Amino acid sequence: MTHTMHTTVGWHVELEFAEDDQHTKSAAMVRLPDGTEVRGHGRATRHRTDANQPRVGEEVAGARALNDLAMQLLTKAHDEIDEASGRVSHPIHA
């Protein structure tokens, strides 16, 4: 039996960064088809003995913001499943 996947929707995730010499903050945002916006945040701190590599700070802060966003989406989906079913389901894990 072959399953054919059809793409019917796409999500665009936006990442923004704010940086100084030792800190990088990141914000991730996705707008869902129903118009809901979900935002995640992350940060990275460069140790004073580490080389100043802004790209690395962005990667760490960005990954943390995306992880935060993912956890919020899982919670949202879990809550919607419970609301639709009228029962309490098991948590959804990544």
N, C-alpha and C. Protein backbone atom coordinates (compact mmCIF):
# COMPACT_ATOMS: atom_id res chain seq x y z
N MET A 1 0.84 -1.18 0.00
CA MET A 1 0.00 0.00 0.00
C MET A 1 0.89 1.24 0.00
N THR A 2 0.66 2.14 -0.94
CA THR A 2 1.46 3.34 -1.06
C THR A 2 0.66 4.55 -0.57
N HIS A 3 1.30 5.36 0.25
CA HIS A 3 0.67 6.59 0.73
C HIS A 3 1.23 7.76 -0.07
N THR A 4 0.36 8.58 -0.60
CA THR A 4 0.78 9.75 -1.33
C THR A 4 0.53 10.97 -0.46
N MET A 5 1.57 11.77 -0.27
CA MET A 5 1.46 12.98 0.53
C MET A 5 1.19 14.16 -0.40
N HIS A 6 0.26 14.99 0.00
CA HIS A 6 -0.05 16.20 -0.77
C HIS A 6 0.17 17.40 0.15
N THR A 7 0.92 18.37 -0.32
CA THR A 7 1.12 19.59 0.46
C THR A 7 -0.07 20.50 0.25
N THR A 8 -0.75 20.80 1.35
CA THR A 8 -1.92 21.65 1.26
C THR A 8 -1.75 22.97 1.99
N VAL A 9 -0.74 23.07 2.81
CA VAL A 9 -0.52 24.30 3.57
C VAL A 9 0.98 24.43 3.85
N GLY A 10 1.43 25.65 3.98
CA GLY A 10 2.83 25.90 4.35
C GLY A 10 2.87 26.92 5.46
N TRP A 11 3.83 26.77 6.32
CA TRP A 11 4.05 27.74 7.39
C TRP A 11 5.39 28.42 7.15
N HIS A 12 5.43 29.71 7.40
CA HIS A 12 6.68 30.46 7.32
C HIS A 12 7.04 30.91 8.73
N VAL A 13 8.23 30.52 9.18
CA VAL A 13 8.71 30.91 10.49
C VAL A 13 9.68 32.07 10.31
N GLU A 14 9.49 33.12 11.11
CA GLU A 14 10.38 34.26 11.07
C GLU A 14 11.26 34.24 12.32
N LEU A 15 12.55 34.50 12.14
CA LEU A 15 13.49 34.60 13.25
C LEU A 15 14.12 35.98 13.22
N GLU A 16 14.18 36.61 14.39
CA GLU A 16 14.84 37.90 14.52
C GLU A 16 15.84 37.82 15.65
N PHE A 17 16.95 38.56 15.51
CA PHE A 17 18.01 38.52 16.50
C PHE A 17 18.36 39.93 16.97
N ALA A 18 18.71 40.03 18.24
CA ALA A 18 19.26 41.26 18.82
C ALA A 18 20.53 40.85 19.56
N GLU A 19 21.62 41.57 19.31
CA GLU A 19 22.91 41.13 19.85
C GLU A 19 23.71 42.30 20.42
N ASP A 20 24.54 41.97 21.42
CA ASP A 20 25.61 42.86 21.82
C ASP A 20 26.87 41.98 21.88
N ASP A 21 27.92 42.44 22.53
CA ASP A 21 29.18 41.69 22.52
C ASP A 21 29.09 40.32 23.19
N GLN A 22 28.19 40.16 24.16
CA GLN A 22 28.14 38.91 24.91
C GLN A 22 26.80 38.19 24.87
N HIS A 23 25.76 38.84 24.38
CA HIS A 23 24.43 38.25 24.44
C HIS A 23 23.75 38.27 23.07
N THR A 24 23.02 37.21 22.81
CA THR A 24 22.18 37.15 21.62
C THR A 24 20.79 36.74 22.06
N LYS A 25 19.81 37.52 21.66
CA LYS A 25 18.40 37.18 21.91
C LYS A 25 17.76 36.87 20.57
N SER A 26 16.83 35.93 20.59
CA SER A 26 16.14 35.55 19.36
C SER A 26 14.65 35.45 19.62
N ALA A 27 13.88 35.84 18.63
CA ALA A 27 12.43 35.68 18.67
C ALA A 27 12.01 34.94 17.40
N ALA A 28 11.22 33.90 17.57
CA ALA A 28 10.69 33.12 16.44
C ALA A 28 9.18 33.31 16.43
N MET A 29 8.61 33.45 15.23
CA MET A 29 7.17 33.64 15.13
C MET A 29 6.65 32.86 13.93
N VAL A 30 5.52 32.20 14.14
CA VAL A 30 4.83 31.54 13.04
C VAL A 30 3.37 31.99 13.08
N ARG A 31 2.83 32.29 11.91
CA ARG A 31 1.42 32.66 11.79
C ARG A 31 0.71 31.45 11.20
N LEU A 32 -0.23 30.90 11.96
CA LEU A 32 -0.96 29.71 11.53
C LEU A 32 -2.08 30.08 10.57
N PRO A 33 -2.57 29.11 9.80
CA PRO A 33 -3.62 29.40 8.81
C PRO A 33 -4.86 30.07 9.39
N ASP A 34 -5.15 29.84 10.70
CA ASP A 34 -6.32 30.48 11.31
C ASP A 34 -6.03 31.91 11.78
N GLY A 35 -4.81 32.41 11.51
CA GLY A 35 -4.45 33.77 11.88
C GLY A 35 -3.75 33.86 13.23
N THR A 36 -3.73 32.78 13.99
CA THR A 36 -3.05 32.77 15.29
C THR A 36 -1.55 32.94 15.09
N GLU A 37 -0.94 33.76 15.91
CA GLU A 37 0.51 33.91 15.90
C GLU A 37 1.08 33.27 17.16
N VAL A 38 2.08 32.43 17.00
CA VAL A 38 2.75 31.80 18.13
C VAL A 38 4.19 32.28 18.11
N ARG A 39 4.68 32.72 19.27
CA ARG A 39 6.03 33.28 19.36
C ARG A 39 6.85 32.51 20.39
N GLY A 40 8.10 32.27 20.04
CA GLY A 40 9.05 31.64 20.95
C GLY A 40 10.26 32.53 21.12
N HIS A 41 10.95 32.36 22.23
CA HIS A 41 12.11 33.19 22.53
C HIS A 41 13.28 32.33 22.97
N GLY A 42 14.48 32.81 22.65
CA GLY A 42 15.69 32.12 23.07
C GLY A 42 16.80 33.11 23.27
N ARG A 43 17.83 32.67 23.98
CA ARG A 43 18.96 33.55 24.20
C ARG A 43 20.23 32.72 24.32
N ALA A 44 21.34 33.36 24.08
CA ALA A 44 22.66 32.75 24.23
C ALA A 44 23.57 33.79 24.85
N THR A 45 24.48 33.32 25.67
CA THR A 45 25.46 34.20 26.31
C THR A 45 26.85 33.67 26.01
N ARG A 46 27.70 34.54 25.49
CA ARG A 46 29.08 34.17 25.18
C ARG A 46 29.93 34.30 26.43
N HIS A 47 30.64 33.24 26.75
CA HIS A 47 31.57 33.30 27.88
C HIS A 47 32.71 34.24 27.50
N ARG A 48 33.19 34.98 28.46
CA ARG A 48 34.20 36.02 28.18
C ARG A 48 35.48 35.47 27.56
N THR A 49 35.75 34.17 27.76
CA THR A 49 36.98 33.60 27.18
C THR A 49 36.75 33.02 25.79
N ASP A 50 35.48 32.96 25.33
CA ASP A 50 35.18 32.43 23.99
C ASP A 50 35.41 33.50 22.93
N ALA A 51 35.77 33.06 21.73
CA ALA A 51 35.92 33.99 20.61
C ALA A 51 34.56 34.62 20.30
N ASN A 52 34.60 35.85 19.81
CA ASN A 52 33.36 36.55 19.44
C ASN A 52 32.91 36.04 18.07
N GLN A 53 31.95 35.12 18.08
CA GLN A 53 31.42 34.52 16.85
C GLN A 53 29.90 34.73 16.83
N PRO A 54 29.44 35.87 16.32
CA PRO A 54 28.01 36.16 16.34
C PRO A 54 27.16 35.07 15.71
N ARG A 55 27.66 34.41 14.67
CA ARG A 55 26.88 33.36 14.01
C ARG A 55 26.55 32.22 14.98
N VAL A 56 27.52 31.86 15.82
CA VAL A 56 27.30 30.78 16.79
C VAL A 56 26.23 31.20 17.80
N GLY A 57 26.31 32.43 18.27
CA GLY A 57 25.29 32.93 19.20
C GLY A 57 23.90 32.91 18.57
N GLU A 58 23.83 33.27 17.29
CA GLU A 58 22.54 33.24 16.58
C GLU A 58 22.03 31.81 16.46
N GLU A 59 22.93 30.86 16.18
CA GLU A 59 22.50 29.47 16.05
C GLU A 59 21.95 28.93 17.37
N VAL A 60 22.63 29.24 18.47
CA VAL A 60 22.18 28.75 19.78
C VAL A 60 20.87 29.43 20.17
N ALA A 61 20.83 30.76 20.08
CA ALA A 61 19.61 31.49 20.46
C ALA A 61 18.45 31.12 19.54
N GLY A 62 18.74 30.99 18.23
CA GLY A 62 17.70 30.62 17.28
C GLY A 62 17.15 29.23 17.56
N ALA A 63 18.03 28.27 17.85
CA ALA A 63 17.58 26.91 18.17
C ALA A 63 16.71 26.92 19.42
N ARG A 64 17.08 27.70 20.41
CA ARG A 64 16.29 27.77 21.64
C ARG A 64 14.94 28.42 21.39
N ALA A 65 14.90 29.43 20.54
CA ALA A 65 13.62 30.07 20.21
C ALA A 65 12.73 29.10 19.44
N LEU A 66 13.30 28.34 18.51
CA LEU A 66 12.52 27.36 17.76
C LEU A 66 12.02 26.24 18.67
N ASN A 67 12.85 25.84 19.64
CA ASN A 67 12.42 24.82 20.60
C ASN A 67 11.25 25.33 21.44
N ASP A 68 11.34 26.58 21.89
CA ASP A 68 10.25 27.19 22.65
C ASP A 68 8.99 27.24 21.80
N LEU A 69 9.13 27.63 20.54
CA LEU A 69 8.00 27.67 19.61
C LEU A 69 7.39 26.28 19.44
N ALA A 70 8.24 25.27 19.28
CA ALA A 70 7.76 23.90 19.11
C ALA A 70 6.97 23.43 20.33
N MET A 71 7.46 23.73 21.51
CA MET A 71 6.77 23.30 22.73
C MET A 71 5.41 24.00 22.86
N GLN A 72 5.35 25.26 22.48
CA GLN A 72 4.08 25.97 22.53
C GLN A 72 3.08 25.39 21.52
N LEU A 73 3.57 25.01 20.33
CA LEU A 73 2.69 24.40 19.33
C LEU A 73 2.17 23.05 19.81
N LEU A 74 3.04 22.26 20.46
CA LEU A 74 2.60 20.97 21.00
C LEU A 74 1.53 21.17 22.08
N THR A 75 1.73 22.14 22.95
CA THR A 75 0.74 22.44 23.99
C THR A 75 -0.58 22.89 23.38
N LYS A 76 -0.50 23.75 22.37
CA LYS A 76 -1.70 24.23 21.68
C LYS A 76 -2.46 23.06 21.06
N ALA A 77 -1.74 22.17 20.38
CA ALA A 77 -2.39 21.00 19.75
C ALA A 77 -3.02 20.10 20.80
N HIS A 78 -2.32 19.88 21.89
CA HIS A 78 -2.83 19.04 22.97
C HIS A 78 -4.12 19.62 23.53
N ASP A 79 -4.12 20.92 23.79
CA ASP A 79 -5.32 21.58 24.32
C ASP A 79 -6.49 21.48 23.34
N GLU A 80 -6.20 21.61 22.04
CA GLU A 80 -7.26 21.52 21.04
C GLU A 80 -7.82 20.10 20.93
N ILE A 81 -6.96 19.10 21.07
CA ILE A 81 -7.43 17.71 21.07
C ILE A 81 -8.37 17.49 22.25
N ASP A 82 -7.97 17.95 23.43
CA ASP A 82 -8.80 17.77 24.63
C ASP A 82 -10.13 18.52 24.49
N GLU A 83 -10.07 19.73 23.94
CA GLU A 83 -11.30 20.52 23.78
C GLU A 83 -12.26 19.83 22.83
N ALA A 84 -11.74 19.30 21.74
CA ALA A 84 -12.60 18.64 20.74
C ALA A 84 -13.15 17.32 21.24
N SER A 85 -12.37 16.61 22.06
CA SER A 85 -12.80 15.28 22.49
C SER A 85 -13.56 15.31 23.80
N GLY A 86 -13.42 16.40 24.56
CA GLY A 86 -14.10 16.49 25.84
C GLY A 86 -13.45 15.64 26.92
N ARG A 87 -12.21 15.23 26.70
CA ARG A 87 -11.51 14.43 27.70
C ARG A 87 -10.07 14.93 27.82
N VAL A 88 -9.38 14.41 28.81
CA VAL A 88 -7.98 14.78 29.00
C VAL A 88 -7.12 13.69 28.41
N SER A 89 -6.32 14.06 27.42
CA SER A 89 -5.48 13.10 26.72
C SER A 89 -4.07 13.11 27.30
N HIS A 90 -3.26 12.16 26.85
CA HIS A 90 -1.86 12.13 27.26
C HIS A 90 -1.13 13.29 26.60
N PRO A 91 -0.16 13.89 27.29
CA PRO A 91 0.60 14.96 26.67
C PRO A 91 1.30 14.50 25.40
N ILE A 92 1.45 15.42 24.47
CA ILE A 92 2.17 15.15 23.22
C ILE A 92 3.62 15.53 23.44
N HIS A 93 4.54 14.61 23.14
CA HIS A 93 5.96 14.88 23.33
C HIS A 93 6.64 15.03 21.98
N ALA A 94 7.67 15.85 21.96
CA ALA A 94 8.44 16.05 20.74
C ALA A 94 9.26 14.81 20.43
